[in-house]
C-alpha atoms as a PDB file:
ATOM      1  CA  MET A   1      62.958 134.200 128.224  1.00  0.00           C
ATOM      2  CA  PRO A   2      61.490 135.810 125.127  1.00  0.00           C
ATOM      3  CA  ARG A   3      63.510 138.500 123.369  1.00  0.00           C
ATOM      4  CA  SER A   4      62.497 142.130 123.465  1.00  0.00           C
ATOM      5  CA  LYS A   5      61.465 143.967 120.329  1.00  0.00           C
ATOM      6  CA  LEU A   6      64.855 145.778 120.391  1.00  0.00           C
ATOM      7  CA  GLU A   7      66.833 142.546 120.561  1.00  0.00           C
ATOM      8  CA  ILE A   8      64.777 141.251 117.520  1.00  0.00           C
ATOM      9  CA  TYR A   9      65.688 144.357 115.530  1.00  0.00           C
ATOM     10  CA  LEU A  10      69.303 144.308 116.540  1.00  0.00           C
ATOM     11  CA  ASP A  11      69.516 140.583 115.673  1.00  0.00           C
ATOM     12  CA  THR A  12      68.009 141.292 112.244  1.00  0.00           C
ATOM     13  CA  LEU A  13      70.470 144.082 111.592  1.00  0.00           C
ATOM     14  CA  GLU A  14      73.373 142.214 112.864  1.00  0.00           C
ATOM     15  CA  ALA A  15      72.505 139.240 110.674  1.00  0.00           C
ATOM     16  CA  LEU A  16      72.390 141.521 107.630  1.00  0.00           C
ATOM     17  CA  VAL A  17      75.649 143.311 108.558  1.00  0.00           C
ATOM     18  CA  LEU A  18      77.576 140.055 109.228  1.00  0.00           C
ATOM     19  CA  CYS A  19      76.271 137.955 106.418  1.00  0.00           C
ATOM     20  CA  GLY A  20      75.585 140.557 103.671  1.00  0.00           C
ATOM     21  CA  PRO A  21      72.552 140.681 101.301  1.00  0.00           C
ATOM     22  CA  MET A  22      70.105 137.969 101.988  1.00  0.00           C
ATOM     23  CA  ARG A  23      66.577 136.831 101.059  1.00  0.00           C
ATOM     24  CA  GLN A  24      63.826 136.781 103.585  1.00  0.00           C
ATOM     25  CA  THR A  25      64.111 133.044 104.235  1.00  0.00           C
ATOM     26  CA  ARG A  26      67.792 133.242 105.011  1.00  0.00           C
ATOM     27  CA  ILE A  27      67.199 136.265 107.354  1.00  0.00           C
ATOM     28  CA  THR A  28      64.572 134.176 109.422  1.00  0.00           C
ATOM     29  CA  TYR A  29      67.123 131.487 110.002  1.00  0.00           C
ATOM     30  CA  LYS A  30      69.962 133.931 110.954  1.00  0.00           C
ATOM     31  CA  ALA A  31      67.909 136.169 113.151  1.00  0.00           C
ATOM     32  CA  LYS A  32      65.977 133.224 114.563  1.00  0.00           C
ATOM     33  CA  ILE A  33      62.500 134.889 113.948  1.00  0.00           C
ATOM     34  CA  ASN A  34      59.382 133.784 112.192  1.00  0.00           C
ATOM     35  CA  TYR A  35      58.263 135.025 108.772  1.00  0.00           C
ATOM     36  CA  SER A  36      55.292 137.142 109.923  1.00  0.00           C
ATOM     37  CA  THR A  37      57.588 138.861 112.527  1.00  0.00           C
ATOM     38  CA  LEU A  38      60.221 139.409 109.892  1.00  0.00           C
ATOM     39  CA  LYS A  39      57.888 141.075 107.501  1.00  0.00           C
ATOM     40  CA  THR A  40      56.942 143.761 110.210  1.00  0.00           C
ATOM     41  CA  VAL A  41      60.599 144.169 111.294  1.00  0.00           C
ATOM     42  CA  LEU A  42      61.810 144.637 107.603  1.00  0.00           C
ATOM     43  CA  ALA A  43      59.009 147.167 107.051  1.00  0.00           C
ATOM     44  CA  ASP A  44      60.027 149.214 110.071  1.00  0.00           C
ATOM     45  CA  LEU A  45      63.700 149.067 109.158  1.00  0.00           C
ATOM     46  CA  LYS A  46      63.049 150.095 105.599  1.00  0.00           C
ATOM     47  CA  LYS A  47      60.843 152.911 106.700  1.00  0.00           C
ATOM     48  CA  ASN A  48      63.819 154.155 108.954  1.00  0.00           C
ATOM     49  CA  ASN A  49      66.400 153.699 106.116  1.00  0.00           C
ATOM     50  CA  LEU A  50      68.282 150.981 107.995  1.00  0.00           C
ATOM     51  CA  VAL A  51      67.621 148.247 105.290  1.00  0.00           C
ATOM     52  CA  GLU A  52      67.445 148.435 101.598  1.00  0.00           C
ATOM     53  CA  GLU A  53      65.525 146.181  99.256  1.00  0.00           C
ATOM     54  CA  ARG A  54      67.295 145.266  96.040  1.00  0.00           C
ATOM     55  CA  LYS A  55      65.892 143.374  93.112  1.00  0.00           C
ATOM     56  CA  LEU A  56      67.974 140.716  91.420  1.00  0.00           C
ATOM     57  CA  LYS A  57      67.335 138.650  88.293  1.00  0.00           C
ATOM     58  CA  LYS A  58      64.116 136.919  87.938  1.00  0.00           C
ATOM     59  CA  ASN A  59      62.420 139.206  90.427  1.00  0.00           C
ATOM     60  CA  LYS A  60      64.385 137.836  93.334  1.00  0.00           C
ATOM     61  CA  ILE A  61      64.611 140.337  96.229  1.00  0.00           C
ATOM     62  CA  VAL A  62      67.478 140.561  98.787  1.00  0.00           C
ATOM     63  CA  TYR A  63      67.764 142.856 101.737  1.00  0.00           C
ATOM     64  CA  THR A  64      70.910 144.580 102.835  1.00  0.00           C
ATOM     65  CA  ALA A  65      71.964 146.911 105.754  1.00  0.00           C
ATOM     66  CA  THR A  66      72.554 150.519 105.015  1.00  0.00           C
ATOM     67  CA  PRO A  67      75.622 152.465 106.247  1.00  0.00           C
ATOM     68  CA  LYS A  68      73.229 154.080 108.770  1.00  0.00           C
ATOM     69  CA  ALA A  69      72.426 150.565 110.186  1.00  0.00           C
ATOM     70  CA  ARG A  70      76.184 149.681 110.413  1.00  0.00           C
ATOM     71  CA  GLU A  71      76.778 152.916 112.353  1.00  0.00           C
ATOM     72  CA  ILE A  72      73.956 152.269 114.727  1.00  0.00           C
ATOM     73  CA  LEU A  73      75.181 148.632 115.497  1.00  0.00           C
ATOM     74  CA  SER A  74      78.723 149.976 116.007  1.00  0.00           C
ATOM     75  CA  ASP A  75      77.473 152.634 118.469  1.00  0.00           C
ATOM     76  CA  PHE A  76      75.358 149.969 120.204  1.00  0.00           C
ATOM     77  CA  ARG A  77      78.306 147.681 120.674  1.00  0.00           C
ATOM     78  CA  GLU A  78      80.314 150.686 122.052  1.00  0.00           C
ATOM     79  CA  LEU A  79      77.655 151.413 124.501  1.00  0.00           C
ATOM     80  CA  CYS A  80      77.610 147.826 125.570  1.00  0.00           C
ATOM     81  CA  LYS A  81      81.314 147.898 126.271  1.00  0.00           C
ATOM     82  CA  ILE A  82      80.880 151.047 128.349  1.00  0.00           C
ATOM     83  CA  VAL A  83      77.974 149.621 130.360  1.00  0.00           C
ATOM     84  CA  THR A  84      79.258 146.069 130.877  1.00  0.00           C
ATOM     85  CA  GLY A  85      82.966 146.746 130.740  1.00  0.00           C
ATOM     86  CA  LYS A  86      83.257 143.762 128.416  1.00  0.00           C
ATOM     87  CA  ASP A  87      83.565 143.265 124.630  1.00  0.00           C
ATOM     88  CA  GLU A  88      80.554 141.052 124.638  1.00  0.00           C
ATOM     89  CA  PRO A  89      76.965 141.920 123.901  1.00  0.00           C
ATOM     90  CA  MET A  90      74.765 142.615 126.878  1.00  0.00           C
ATOM     91  CA  THR A  91      72.584 139.549 126.132  1.00  0.00           C
ATOM     92  CA  ALA A  92      73.744 136.003 125.706  1.00  0.00           C
ATOM     93  CA  LYS A  93      72.578 134.717 122.281  1.00  0.00           C
ATOM     94  CA  PRO A  94      73.865 132.000 119.884  1.00  0.00           C
ATOM     95  CA  ALA A  95      76.330 132.934 117.212  1.00  0.00           C
ATOM     96  CA  LEU A  96      74.530 134.221 114.103  1.00  0.00           C
ATOM     97  CA  LEU A  97      77.175 132.729 111.840  1.00  0.00           C
ATOM     98  CA  ALA A  98      76.460 129.119 112.873  1.00  0.00           C
ATOM     99  CA  LYS A  99      75.778 126.787 109.990  1.00  0.00           C
ATOM    100  CA  ASP A 100      72.107 126.243 109.144  1.00  0.00           C
END
């Protein structure tokens, strides 16, 4: 079953929160999305101040979650606990921290 748009956005934010600043390629692996989808997702998240773009040496760009994004994920997890009565997310998905 394909993921909803909300699940894709949450997976992207969760990858950035759990793994810290990452380049686009790493985000695609952790969030399990393709590059063209990631470009759209990052643009939307940047527009809503949920993701920041930082330039490193040699024009390398990394993306990081903002405090607002961390708060939203925390609120979402709390809502999932209330709705499901469990500490687990509402959807079953593979662990983001699995080795690539």
